[in-house]
Every structure is written in structure tokens, then in C-alpha cells.
């Protein structure tokens, strides 16, 4: 004849709290380990990227930098737009 399953004793409140605290510490440790892993991977990727940039610069030689674009000063006249001296263009003089 099969025996009935034995009821498990319920953990006390302090046991449950201790277990939960241990789980939280484990979770924090896991998060910290994951963070360190991601940071190491990111640093490795950044180093590889910088190496690739340096290798490419060496392979292609120095690149000439384009001349900086200068915008015309706002107080200068545009070519072809000349005003007659002493006259205004509309409005009250």
C-alpha cells in the first residue's frame, strides 16, 4: 500500500527572511559580475576599433584636411547688389 506524501514543515519567518537576504546578495553579485563582463567587452571592442582606425590611417597614408569653409561676413554686400549713395530703398527718409 502506497504511503501518503509527508507534509513539509513550513519555514519560519526568520528562515524565509534569511533565505530572501541570501537571494538578494546573490542577485547583486550576479548583477555586478554581469556589469564587469559588459565593461570588459566594451573596452575590448573600443580597443579593436581604435586599432582598426590606426591601421586604416597607416594603410591609406595621411589624408589632406579640407580647407575650412568660411562664411561671408554678414556686413559685407553680396556681389552685384550695389546701392546708390545717399538713397534709401523704401520707407521714410
C-alpha atoms as a PDB file:
ATOM      1  CA  UNK A   1       0.000   0.000   0.000  1.00  0.00           C
ATOM      2  CA  UNK A   2       1.440   3.429  -1.017  1.00  0.00           C
ATOM      3  CA  UNK A   3       2.259   5.852   1.697  1.00  0.00           C
ATOM      4  CA  UNK A   4       0.820   9.335   1.714  1.00  0.00           C
ATOM      5  CA  UNK A   5       3.307  12.150   0.987  1.00  0.00           C
ATOM      6  CA  UNK A   6       4.637  13.721   4.122  1.00  0.00           C
ATOM      7  CA  UNK A   7       3.809  17.346   4.589  1.00  0.00           C
ATOM      8  CA  UNK A   8       6.875  19.541   4.528  1.00  0.00           C
ATOM      9  CA  UNK A   9       7.408  21.723   7.531  1.00  0.00           C
ATOM     10  CA  UNK A  10       6.872  25.380   6.686  1.00  0.00           C
ATOM     11  CA  UNK A  11       9.997  27.506   7.121  1.00  0.00           C
ATOM     12  CA  UNK A  12       9.765  30.028   9.899  1.00  0.00           C
ATOM     13  CA  UNK A  13       9.581  33.723   9.153  1.00  0.00           C
ATOM     14  CA  UNK A  14      13.209  34.272  10.122  1.00  0.00           C
ATOM     15  CA  UNK A  15      14.251  31.391   7.842  1.00  0.00           C
ATOM     16  CA  UNK A  16      12.334  32.949   4.957  1.00  0.00           C
ATOM     17  CA  UNK A  17      13.928  36.362   5.636  1.00  0.00           C
ATOM     18  CA  UNK A  18      17.406  34.851   5.765  1.00  0.00           C
ATOM     19  CA  UNK A  19      16.782  32.986   2.529  1.00  0.00           C
ATOM     20  CA  UNK A  20      15.495  36.141   0.829  1.00  0.00           C
ATOM     21  CA  UNK A  21      18.521  38.118   2.027  1.00  0.00           C
ATOM     22  CA  UNK A  22      20.840  35.474   0.640  1.00  0.00           C
ATOM     23  CA  UNK A  23      18.973  35.562  -2.687  1.00  0.00           C
ATOM     24  CA  UNK A  24      19.310  39.349  -2.833  1.00  0.00           C
ATOM     25  CA  UNK A  25      23.059  39.139  -2.164  1.00  0.00           C
ATOM     26  CA  UNK A  26      23.340  36.542  -4.908  1.00  0.00           C
ATOM     27  CA  UNK A  27      21.353  38.768  -7.268  1.00  0.00           C
ATOM     28  CA  UNK A  28      23.595  41.748  -6.501  1.00  0.00           C
ATOM     29  CA  UNK A  29      26.700  39.632  -7.048  1.00  0.00           C
ATOM     30  CA  UNK A  30      25.289  38.390 -10.353  1.00  0.00           C
ATOM     31  CA  UNK A  31      24.498  41.934 -11.497  1.00  0.00           C
ATOM     32  CA  UNK A  32      28.000  43.112 -10.550  1.00  0.00           C
ATOM     33  CA  UNK A  33      29.597  40.197 -12.399  1.00  0.00           C
ATOM     34  CA  UNK A  34      27.464  40.929 -15.476  1.00  0.00           C
ATOM     35  CA  UNK A  35      28.402  44.610 -15.320  1.00  0.00           C
ATOM     36  CA  UNK A  36      32.112  43.767 -15.151  1.00  0.00           C
ATOM     37  CA  UNK A  37      31.725  41.378 -18.085  1.00  0.00           C
ATOM     38  CA  UNK A  38      29.987  44.032 -20.203  1.00  0.00           C
ATOM     39  CA  UNK A  39      32.580  46.676 -19.292  1.00  0.00           C
ATOM     40  CA  UNK A  40      35.423  44.338 -20.252  1.00  0.00           C
ATOM     41  CA  UNK A  41      33.726  43.503 -23.556  1.00  0.00           C
ATOM     42  CA  UNK A  42      33.123  47.190 -24.301  1.00  0.00           C
ATOM     43  CA  UNK A  43      36.750  48.061 -23.559  1.00  0.00           C
ATOM     44  CA  UNK A  44      37.915  45.231 -25.812  1.00  0.00           C
ATOM     45  CA  UNK A  45      35.656  46.391 -28.643  1.00  0.00           C
ATOM     46  CA  UNK A  46      36.821  50.011 -28.260  1.00  0.00           C
ATOM     47  CA  UNK A  47      40.463  48.897 -28.421  1.00  0.00           C
ATOM     48  CA  UNK A  48      39.769  46.855 -31.562  1.00  0.00           C
ATOM     49  CA  UNK A  49      38.013  49.817 -33.153  1.00  0.00           C
ATOM     50  CA  UNK A  50      40.918  52.153 -32.365  1.00  0.00           C
ATOM     51  CA  UNK A  51      43.395  49.588 -33.757  1.00  0.00           C
ATOM     52  CA  UNK A  52      41.367  49.388 -36.952  1.00  0.00           C
ATOM     53  CA  UNK A  53      41.274  53.169 -37.283  1.00  0.00           C
ATOM     54  CA  UNK A  54      45.061  53.360 -36.807  1.00  0.00           C
ATOM     55  CA  UNK A  55      45.670  50.511 -39.281  1.00  0.00           C
ATOM     56  CA  UNK A  56      43.461  52.185 -41.864  1.00  0.00           C
ATOM     57  CA  UNK A  57      45.186  55.543 -41.400  1.00  0.00           C
ATOM     58  CA  UNK A  58      48.598  53.903 -41.873  1.00  0.00           C
ATOM     59  CA  UNK A  59      47.429  51.952 -44.934  1.00  0.00           C
ATOM     60  CA  UNK A  60      45.944  54.986 -46.678  1.00  0.00           C
ATOM     61  CA  UNK A  61      48.604  57.463 -45.677  1.00  0.00           C
ATOM     62  CA  UNK A  62      47.997  60.920 -44.275  1.00  0.00           C
ATOM     63  CA  UNK A  63      44.799  62.477 -45.522  1.00  0.00           C
ATOM     64  CA  UNK A  64      44.789  66.102 -46.516  1.00  0.00           C
ATOM     65  CA  UNK A  65      42.368  68.067 -44.461  1.00  0.00           C
ATOM     66  CA  UNK A  66      39.832  70.065 -46.481  1.00  0.00           C
ATOM     67  CA  UNK A  67      40.109  73.820 -46.146  1.00  0.00           C
ATOM     68  CA  UNK A  68      37.711  75.156 -43.540  1.00  0.00           C
ATOM     69  CA  UNK A  69      34.618  76.698 -45.022  1.00  0.00           C
ATOM     70  CA  UNK A  70      34.409  80.363 -44.160  1.00  0.00           C
ATOM     71  CA  UNK A  71      31.056  82.047 -44.226  1.00  0.00           C
ATOM     72  CA  UNK A  72      30.915  85.568 -45.622  1.00  0.00           C
ATOM     73  CA  UNK A  73      30.673  88.272 -43.011  1.00  0.00           C
ATOM     74  CA  UNK A  74      27.131  89.497 -42.517  1.00  0.00           C
ATOM     75  CA  UNK A  75      28.032  93.160 -43.027  1.00  0.00           C
ATOM     76  CA  UNK A  76      29.542  92.734 -46.477  1.00  0.00           C
ATOM     77  CA  UNK A  77      27.486  93.230 -49.606  1.00  0.00           C
ATOM     78  CA  UNK A  78      26.669  90.426 -51.961  1.00  0.00           C
ATOM     79  CA  UNK A  79      28.244  90.735 -55.416  1.00  0.00           C
ATOM     80  CA  UNK A  80      26.030  92.658 -57.824  1.00  0.00           C
ATOM     81  CA  UNK A  81      23.946  94.298 -55.097  1.00  0.00           C
ATOM     82  CA  UNK A  82      25.130  97.885 -55.064  1.00  0.00           C
ATOM     83  CA  UNK A  83      23.249 100.747 -53.533  1.00  0.00           C
ATOM     84  CA  UNK A  84      23.412 104.291 -54.744  1.00  0.00           C
ATOM     85  CA  UNK A  85      24.983 106.589 -52.165  1.00  0.00           C
ATOM     86  CA  UNK A  86      22.557 108.771 -50.251  1.00  0.00           C
ATOM     87  CA  UNK A  87      19.423 106.915 -51.293  1.00  0.00           C
ATOM     88  CA  UNK A  88      17.298 104.533 -49.291  1.00  0.00           C
ATOM     89  CA  UNK A  89      15.279 101.642 -50.582  1.00  0.00           C
ATOM     90  CA  UNK A  90      11.775 102.422 -49.402  1.00  0.00           C
ATOM     91  CA  UNK A  91      10.467 103.677 -46.106  1.00  0.00           C
ATOM     92  CA  UNK A  92      10.567 107.226 -44.811  1.00  0.00           C
ATOM     93  CA  UNK A  93      13.857 109.074 -45.179  1.00  0.00           C
END
